[in-house]
Protein backbone atom coordinates (compact mmCIF):
# COMPACT_ATOMS: atom_id res chain seq x y z
CA MET A 1 27.28 223.67 -11.30
CA SER A 2 24.09 225.10 -9.82
CA LYS A 3 22.17 223.07 -7.29
CA PRO A 4 18.89 221.45 -8.45
CA LEU A 5 15.64 223.14 -7.42
CA ILE A 6 12.39 221.74 -6.08
CA TYR A 7 9.32 223.32 -7.66
CA HIS A 8 6.16 222.97 -5.59
CA ILE A 9 2.75 223.34 -7.22
CA CYS A 10 -0.01 223.83 -4.67
CA GLU A 11 -3.17 225.64 -3.65
CA ASP A 12 -3.82 227.84 -0.62
CA GLU A 13 -4.34 224.97 1.82
CA LYS A 14 -3.65 224.76 5.55
CA PHE A 15 -1.19 221.87 5.06
CA ILE A 16 1.24 223.85 2.93
CA ASN A 17 2.93 225.83 5.73
CA SER A 18 4.10 222.56 7.24
CA ALA A 19 5.43 221.41 3.87
CA ILE A 20 7.29 224.70 3.42
CA LYS A 21 8.97 224.33 6.81
CA GLN A 22 9.92 220.71 6.27
CA PHE A 23 11.37 221.16 2.80
CA GLU A 24 13.23 224.32 3.82
CA ASP A 25 14.67 222.55 6.87
CA VAL A 26 16.08 219.89 4.57
CA TYR A 27 16.84 221.84 1.39
CA SER A 28 17.00 225.46 2.42
CA GLY A 29 17.00 228.12 -0.31
CA TYR A 30 16.26 225.74 -3.17
CA ASN A 31 12.47 225.45 -2.93
CA LYS A 32 10.05 227.45 -5.06
CA PHE A 33 6.38 227.32 -4.12
CA TYR A 34 3.82 228.35 -6.73
CA VAL A 35 0.30 228.74 -5.36
CA LEU A 36 -2.55 228.57 -7.87
CA VAL A 37 -5.23 231.12 -7.05
CA LYS A 38 -8.26 232.52 -8.84
CA ASP A 39 -7.34 236.13 -8.07
CA ILE A 40 -3.68 237.03 -7.53
CA THR A 41 -4.68 240.31 -5.82
CA GLN A 42 -6.27 238.43 -2.91
CA GLU A 43 -4.30 237.71 0.26
CA PHE A 44 -3.53 234.12 1.21
CA ARG A 45 -6.00 232.55 3.61
CA TYR A 46 -3.63 229.93 5.04
CA ILE A 47 -0.14 230.18 3.57
CA ASN A 48 2.44 232.46 5.13
CA THR A 49 3.90 234.95 2.64
CA GLN A 50 7.60 234.37 1.94
CA SER A 51 10.04 235.39 -0.78
CA PHE A 52 10.00 231.99 -2.47
CA VAL A 53 6.18 231.65 -2.40
CA THR A 54 4.51 233.07 -5.52
CA LYS A 55 0.87 233.43 -6.52
CA VAL A 56 0.02 232.29 -10.04
CA ASP A 57 -3.15 231.65 -11.99
CA SER A 58 -3.84 228.68 -14.26
CA ASN A 59 -2.34 230.46 -17.28
CA SER A 60 0.78 232.03 -15.78
CA VAL A 61 1.78 228.81 -14.03
CA LEU A 62 2.52 227.31 -17.46
CA ASN A 63 5.27 229.87 -17.98
CA ILE A 64 7.24 228.26 -15.16
CA ILE A 65 7.84 225.12 -17.21
CA ASP A 66 10.56 226.78 -19.29
CA GLN A 67 12.57 227.43 -16.11
CA ILE A 68 12.60 223.80 -14.97
CA THR A 69 15.53 221.61 -15.95
CA SER A 70 15.90 217.84 -15.98
CA LYS A 71 17.96 218.11 -12.75
CA ASP A 72 15.02 219.59 -10.83
CA ILE A 73 12.05 218.00 -9.06
CA VAL A 74 8.40 219.02 -9.33
CA VAL A 75 6.19 218.29 -6.32
CA PHE A 76 2.40 218.47 -6.66
CA HIS A 77 0.66 219.03 -3.35
CA SER A 78 -2.54 217.18 -4.31
CA LEU A 79 -3.49 216.67 -7.93
CA SER A 80 -6.11 219.36 -8.37
CA LYS A 81 -7.75 219.64 -11.79
CA ASP A 82 -6.07 223.03 -12.19
CA PHE A 83 -2.70 221.23 -12.19
CA TYR A 84 -3.44 218.89 -15.11
CA ASP A 85 -2.26 221.11 -17.97
CA PHE A 86 0.96 221.96 -16.14
CA CYS A 87 1.63 218.31 -15.37
CA LEU A 88 0.98 217.16 -18.93
CA GLN A 89 3.27 219.80 -20.45
CA LEU A 90 6.26 218.91 -18.28
CA PRO A 91 9.08 217.20 -20.18
CA GLN A 92 9.33 213.49 -19.37
CA SER A 93 12.89 213.95 -18.10
CA ILE A 94 11.67 215.90 -15.04
CA GLN A 95 10.97 213.79 -11.95
CA THR A 96 7.53 214.39 -10.43
CA VAL A 97 6.09 213.69 -6.97
CA TRP A 98 2.37 213.61 -6.21
CA MET A 99 1.51 214.29 -2.57
CA CYS A 100 -1.84 212.52 -2.53
CA PHE A 101 -4.43 214.29 -0.38
CA GLY A 102 -7.00 211.51 -0.86
CA PHE A 103 -9.83 213.51 -2.43
CA GLU A 104 -8.32 212.96 -5.88
CA ILE A 105 -9.19 209.27 -5.65
CA TYR A 106 -11.81 208.80 -2.94
CA ASN A 107 -14.08 211.61 -4.18
CA ASP A 108 -13.91 210.51 -7.80
CA HIS A 109 -16.51 208.01 -9.00
CA ASN A 110 -14.16 206.94 -11.79
CA TYR A 111 -11.68 205.56 -9.25
CA THR A 112 -13.70 204.74 -6.13
CA LYS A 113 -17.26 203.49 -5.95
CA ASP A 114 -19.37 204.01 -2.83
CA ALA A 115 -19.58 200.39 -1.70
CA PRO A 116 -15.89 199.99 -0.77
CA ILE A 117 -15.80 203.14 1.40
CA LEU A 118 -19.26 203.36 3.01
CA ALA A 119 -20.76 201.17 5.74
CA PRO A 120 -24.25 199.68 5.11
CA ILE A 121 -26.50 202.27 6.80
CA THR A 122 -24.54 205.21 5.42
CA LEU A 123 -24.45 203.63 1.97
CA LYS A 124 -28.20 203.19 1.92
CA LYS A 125 -28.99 206.73 3.04
CA PHE A 126 -26.19 208.70 1.33
CA ILE A 127 -25.33 206.74 -1.80
CA ARG A 128 -23.70 208.95 -4.39
CA LYS A 129 -25.27 209.14 -7.82
CA SER A 130 -23.09 209.01 -10.88
CA PRO A 131 -23.01 212.46 -12.52
CA SER A 132 -24.54 210.93 -15.66
CA ALA A 133 -27.53 209.57 -13.71
CA ASN A 134 -29.38 212.85 -14.13
CA TYR A 135 -28.51 213.23 -17.82
CA SER A 136 -31.16 212.85 -20.48
CA LEU A 137 -30.83 210.04 -23.01
CA LYS A 138 -29.81 212.58 -25.62
CA LYS A 139 -26.99 213.93 -23.47
CA ARG A 140 -25.72 210.45 -22.59
CA VAL A 141 -25.56 209.55 -26.28
CA LYS A 142 -23.70 212.80 -27.05
CA ASN A 143 -21.19 212.12 -24.27
CA ALA A 144 -20.59 208.62 -25.59
CA LEU A 145 -20.01 209.85 -29.13
CA ARG A 146 -17.92 212.91 -28.23
CA PRO A 147 -14.49 211.16 -28.38
CA LEU A 148 -15.30 209.82 -31.86
CA TYR A 149 -16.47 213.25 -32.99
CA HIS A 150 -13.30 214.98 -31.82
CA THR A 151 -11.17 212.31 -33.51
CA LEU A 152 -12.95 212.78 -36.84
CA LYS A 153 -12.71 216.58 -36.58
CA GLY A 154 -9.04 216.43 -35.64
CA ASN A 155 -9.74 218.09 -32.27
CA ARG A 156 -7.28 216.65 -29.79
CA GLU A 157 -8.48 218.59 -26.73
CA LEU A 158 -8.72 216.11 -23.85
CA SER A 159 -11.65 215.88 -21.48
CA ILE A 160 -11.07 216.55 -17.78
CA ILE A 161 -11.36 212.82 -17.12
CA LYS A 162 -8.69 212.02 -19.71
CA LYS A 163 -6.43 214.82 -18.47
CA LYS A 164 -6.61 213.42 -14.95
CA GLU A 165 -5.91 209.90 -16.17
CA LYS A 166 -2.88 211.02 -18.17
CA SER A 167 -1.64 213.26 -15.34
CA ILE A 168 -1.65 210.32 -12.95
CA GLN A 169 0.19 208.26 -15.55
CA ARG A 170 2.77 211.06 -15.86
CA ILE A 171 3.60 211.00 -12.12
CA ASP A 172 6.80 209.22 -11.08
CA TYR A 173 6.47 209.16 -7.27
CA LEU A 174 3.35 208.78 -5.17
CA ALA A 175 3.73 210.35 -1.73
CA THR A 176 1.68 209.01 1.18
CA SER A 177 2.24 208.84 4.92
CA PHE A 178 2.70 205.08 5.12
CA LYS A 179 3.26 202.10 2.84
CA GLN A 180 -0.18 200.55 3.37
CA GLU A 181 -1.84 203.71 2.01
CA HIS A 182 0.59 203.80 -0.89
CA HIS A 183 -0.41 200.26 -1.80
CA SER A 184 -4.11 201.14 -1.52
CA ILE A 185 -3.86 204.18 -3.82
CA CYS A 186 -1.84 202.23 -6.39
CA LYS A 187 -4.57 199.61 -6.39
CA PHE A 188 -7.28 202.22 -7.04
CA ILE A 189 -5.38 203.88 -9.90
CA GLN A 190 -4.23 200.47 -11.19
CA GLN A 191 -0.67 201.70 -11.50
CA GLU A 192 2.49 201.07 -9.52
CA LYS A 193 4.28 204.26 -8.48
CA LYS A 194 7.58 204.68 -6.70
CA ASN A 195 7.04 205.38 -3.02
CA PHE A 196 7.76 208.74 -1.38
CA LYS A 197 6.97 208.81 2.34
CA PHE A 198 5.82 212.18 3.65
CA TRP A 199 4.00 213.37 6.77
CA TYR A 200 2.53 216.85 6.55
CA TYR A 201 2.46 217.11 10.33
CA PRO A 202 5.33 215.89 12.50
CA LEU A 203 4.25 215.01 16.02
CA HIS A 204 5.34 218.30 17.60
CA LEU A 205 3.01 220.22 15.26
CA ILE A 206 -0.01 218.10 16.24
CA VAL A 207 0.31 217.78 20.02
CA ASP A 208 2.11 219.13 23.04
CA VAL A 209 4.74 216.39 23.29
CA ASN A 210 5.40 217.39 26.91
CA ALA A 211 1.75 217.12 27.98
CA LYS A 212 1.20 214.93 31.02
CA ILE A 213 -1.08 211.92 30.78
CA GLU A 214 -4.47 212.85 32.24
CA SER A 215 -6.53 210.21 34.02
CA ASN A 216 -9.90 212.01 33.89
CA LYS A 217 -11.27 210.58 30.64
CA THR A 218 -14.97 211.46 30.64
CA ALA A 219 -15.87 211.72 26.96
CA ILE A 220 -16.19 209.78 23.72
CA LEU A 221 -15.23 211.07 20.25
CA ILE A 222 -16.71 209.96 16.92
CA GLY A 223 -15.14 210.84 13.57
CA ASN A 224 -13.24 213.93 12.51
CA SER A 225 -15.41 215.73 9.93
CA GLY A 226 -18.77 215.99 8.21
CA PHE A 227 -18.15 213.63 5.31
CA ARG A 228 -20.00 210.42 4.47
CA THR A 229 -16.83 208.36 4.74
CA GLY A 230 -16.96 208.83 8.52
CA ASN A 231 -19.91 206.40 8.53
CA HIS A 232 -21.41 208.17 11.53
CA LEU A 233 -24.86 206.57 11.30
CA ASP A 234 -23.38 203.08 11.49
CA VAL A 235 -21.41 204.07 14.59
CA PHE A 236 -24.53 205.60 16.18
CA ASN A 237 -26.44 202.40 15.47
CA ALA A 238 -23.77 200.29 17.18
CA LEU A 239 -23.44 202.62 20.18
CA LYS A 240 -27.16 202.92 20.95
CA GLN A 241 -27.12 199.23 21.80
CA LEU A 242 -24.21 199.59 24.23
CA PRO A 243 -23.99 201.01 27.77
CA ILE A 244 -22.23 204.36 27.27
CA THR A 245 -20.85 205.55 30.59
CA GLN A 246 -19.06 208.62 29.23
CA SER A 247 -20.79 211.90 30.10
CA LYS A 248 -20.18 213.59 26.73
CA MET A 249 -20.03 212.55 23.09
CA TYR A 250 -18.05 214.88 20.81
CA VAL A 251 -18.63 214.70 17.06
CA PRO A 252 -16.44 217.07 14.98
CA LEU A 253 -18.57 218.45 12.11
CA SER A 254 -16.83 221.76 11.46
CA TYR A 255 -16.32 221.02 7.77
CA GLY A 256 -17.75 218.71 5.17
CA ASN A 257 -21.02 218.36 3.29
CA PRO A 258 -23.69 220.68 4.77
CA SER A 259 -26.65 218.36 4.18
CA TYR A 260 -24.73 215.42 5.62
CA ILE A 261 -23.69 217.47 8.65
CA GLN A 262 -27.29 218.48 9.31
CA ALA A 263 -28.49 214.87 9.07
CA ILE A 264 -25.79 213.63 11.47
CA LYS A 265 -26.51 216.44 13.91
CA GLU A 266 -30.25 215.67 13.97
CA GLU A 267 -29.75 211.91 14.31
CA GLY A 268 -27.15 212.28 17.06
CA GLN A 269 -29.34 214.60 19.10
CA LEU A 270 -32.32 212.28 18.64
CA ILE A 271 -30.46 209.19 19.88
CA PHE A 272 -28.04 210.54 22.50
CA LYS A 273 -29.90 213.62 23.73
CA ASP A 274 -27.81 215.81 26.07
CA LYS A 275 -24.69 213.66 25.72
CA PHE A 276 -24.38 214.68 22.07
CA ASN A 277 -21.97 217.61 21.46
CA PRO A 278 -21.40 218.39 17.77
CA LEU A 279 -18.36 220.58 17.12
CA LEU A 280 -19.65 222.84 14.36
CA THR A 281 -16.90 225.47 14.19
CA PHE A 282 -13.12 225.29 13.95
CA LEU A 283 -11.40 225.47 17.32
CA PRO A 284 -7.87 226.75 17.93
CA LEU A 285 -5.49 223.79 18.17
CA GLU A 286 -4.89 224.39 21.88
CA ASP A 287 -8.63 224.32 22.64
CA TYR A 288 -9.17 221.24 20.51
CA ASN A 289 -6.32 219.41 22.22
CA GLN A 290 -7.90 220.22 25.60
CA ILE A 291 -10.99 218.35 24.43
CA LEU A 292 -8.90 215.46 23.13
CA ASN A 293 -7.30 215.17 26.56
CA THR A 294 -10.73 214.30 28.01
CA ILE A 295 -11.45 211.52 25.49
CA GLY A 296 -11.40 207.97 26.78
CA ILE A 297 -12.88 206.28 23.71
CA ALA A 298 -12.45 207.41 20.07
CA ILE A 299 -14.13 205.77 17.09
CA PHE A 300 -13.08 206.49 13.51
CA TYR A 301 -15.13 204.20 11.28
CA ASN A 302 -13.74 205.26 7.93
CA PHE A 303 -12.62 202.57 5.50
CA ARG A 304 -10.16 204.87 3.73
CA GLN A 305 -7.14 206.74 5.08
CA GLN A 306 -8.68 209.71 6.87
CA ALA A 307 -8.29 211.56 10.17
CA VAL A 308 -4.64 210.53 10.48
CA GLY A 309 -3.66 213.67 12.39
CA ASN A 310 -6.64 213.34 14.72
CA THR A 311 -5.90 209.69 15.37
CA ILE A 312 -2.23 210.36 16.14
CA ALA A 313 -3.16 213.20 18.50
CA ILE A 314 -5.80 211.31 20.38
CA LEU A 315 -3.56 208.26 20.79
CA TRP A 316 -0.90 210.55 22.24
CA TYR A 317 -3.37 211.94 24.76
CA GLY A 318 -4.30 208.44 25.87
CA ALA A 319 -7.58 207.44 24.26
CA LYS A 320 -8.59 203.91 23.36
CA VAL A 321 -8.96 204.17 19.58
CA PHE A 322 -11.23 202.01 17.43
CA LEU A 323 -10.57 201.88 13.68
CA SER A 324 -12.00 199.80 10.88
CA GLU A 325 -9.96 196.84 9.73
CA LYS A 326 -10.67 198.02 6.18
CA ASN A 327 -8.65 201.17 6.87
CA PRO A 328 -4.98 200.83 5.87
CA PHE A 329 -4.06 203.12 8.78
CA TYR A 330 -5.32 200.48 11.24
CA HIS A 331 -2.83 197.97 9.84
CA TYR A 332 -0.03 200.53 9.83
CA LEU A 333 -0.53 201.22 13.54
CA LYS A 334 -0.87 197.53 14.41
CA ASP A 335 2.32 196.71 12.52
CA LEU A 336 4.16 199.35 14.54
CA GLY A 337 2.97 197.83 17.81
CA ILE A 338 0.48 200.59 18.68
CA ILE A 339 -2.38 199.42 20.89
CA VAL A 340 -5.41 200.09 18.74
CA PHE A 341 -8.76 198.31 18.43
CA SER A 342 -11.02 197.02 15.68
CA VAL A 343 -14.53 198.44 15.23
CA GLU A 344 -15.64 195.20 13.62
CA LYS A 345 -14.31 192.86 16.34
CA ASP A 346 -13.72 194.86 19.51
CA LEU A 347 -16.52 197.43 19.78
CA ASN A 348 -18.65 195.83 22.51
CA ALA A 349 -20.02 196.61 25.97
CA GLN A 350 -16.94 195.36 27.80
CA SER A 351 -14.38 197.12 25.63
CA ILE A 352 -16.15 200.47 25.51
CA SER A 353 -16.45 200.51 29.31
CA SER A 354 -12.70 200.43 29.96
CA HIS A 355 -9.88 202.80 29.05
CA LEU A 356 -6.18 202.31 28.36
CA ASP A 357 -3.97 201.98 31.41
CA ILE A 358 -0.84 204.07 31.93
CA ASN A 359 1.50 201.39 30.54
CA GLN A 360 -0.52 201.10 27.33
CA ILE A 361 -0.56 204.86 26.84
CA GLU A 362 3.18 205.09 27.42
CA ASN A 363 3.75 202.27 24.93
CA ASN A 364 1.79 204.17 22.29
CA ARG A 365 3.58 207.42 23.04
CA LYS A 366 7.04 205.86 22.74
CA ILE A 367 6.28 204.31 19.36
CA LEU A 368 4.66 207.47 18.01
CA TYR A 369 7.58 209.59 19.14
CA ASP A 370 10.15 207.22 17.62
CA GLN A 371 8.33 207.29 14.28
CA LEU A 372 7.12 210.88 14.05
CA ASN A 373 9.53 213.14 15.92
CA GLN A 374 10.77 216.01 13.79
CA ASN A 375 14.33 214.74 13.54
CA GLN A 376 13.23 211.35 12.21
CA ILE A 377 10.85 212.90 9.70
CA LYS A 378 13.56 215.30 8.59
CA ARG A 379 15.98 212.42 8.00
CA ASP A 380 13.37 210.50 6.01
CA LEU A 381 12.63 213.50 3.78
CA GLU A 382 16.30 214.30 3.29
CA ASN A 383 17.10 210.72 2.23
CA GLN A 384 14.25 210.67 -0.28
CA ILE A 385 15.13 214.01 -1.87
CA HIS A 386 18.75 212.99 -2.24
CA SER A 387 17.72 209.66 -3.71
CA ILE A 388 15.65 211.37 -6.43
CA LEU A 389 18.36 213.92 -7.18
CA ASN A 390 20.89 211.14 -7.60
CA LEU A 391 18.63 209.63 -10.26
CA ASN A 392 18.79 212.92 -12.13
CA LYS A 393 22.57 213.27 -12.20
C-alpha cells in the first residue's frame, strides 16, 4: 500500500523554506508543495526551487484535489483568501492543518477589534476604520440586503467573508508555536481546533548557537516591524520619562505600513534625537545578529503573538526582554522558566538601568536550547504527523 502524502498549500513567503526542510527531514519524499502565484512564469522570490515544489495559480490549484485521498494530509501555510475555494472543495474525509500566520485573525476586523491589540496612545492615533465606515448609506443598505437577494435569485456564491468563515470551520488542526497562542486564536475564531505545534524556525536557524555571551551591551531595541501592533508610541512615552543610559536605540521598521513607519520615525527622532536609529532596510541575518548582540534592553509591547523569532534570538544573545502581560508569548516564556519582564509592571528606572547577569543569560539559553533545538523540534513534528496519519488508517 502506498504511503500517505502531505500536500502543502502556500504562497512565496520567506518562512516556507524552513517548512520544506523540516517536513522533508521527518517525512522525506512524501511532501508536495504547491505555491500559489499570480504569474507562473515569474521566478520565486523566497522559495528554493525543488522537484516537489510546483507553481500553481488560483484555478489550476483546484485540479490537485482529485489527486488527494482520504489517507493524505493537507497543510495550509497561512489561510490566504486565495486558498478558500481549495479548502472548501476538499472532501471532509481529508485531514487539514492550518499553520496560522496571525494576519488572518489579527488583521481582520471581523475577528479582532483594535481595542484588544492596541495600547491607548497608539489606539487614539492609529485606530482602524471599519471598511464600511466610508460607504454611502445606499451602499450599506445594498450590502445588508445582498444575502437576501442572492437567496431569492438562487445564487449561492459566497462572499469572501463567508468563504473565510467556512474555511476556518473546515479546518481540523490549528498549528501555532505554543499552546497559549493556540488558545488565543481559538478564542478569537470562537471554535476549538485540535492542536498542532509547529515552529517555523528552530533555534539553529535563528541564531549562532555557539556564539559567546558578550558583556558589552550598549543599546536598546524597540519592536520588530512597522505595524501598529508594536505600540511604539506608547513605549516612547514611557521611555521619555526614564533615564536611558544606553547609547543607541534601534527600532526595526524595515517592513510594515508606510504611513505608520514614517510617523514612528519622526516621533522617535523628535524625542530621542541622536540615540534614535531606525532600521529601514532588511539586513542579512549575520549583520542583524551582530546588532542583537549589543542589545541590553529589548521592549516588545505587542499584545498579540508577534516577533517570536526576534524575541528568541535576543534572549539567546543576552538581552533583558520586556513583554506585555497581554501577550500569550510572555506567559509561554514565564511558564518555561525563562527570565523575562513585564512592560506593565517592571518597566521602570531601576529595571531599565540594569542588564541580565551571566547566570540569568545561561539559564535562558539552556531552556531555549532544550525546547527549540532541531532534534527536539523534529521529534515533535514527527509525532504529530504520525498521530494524524494513524487517525486516517
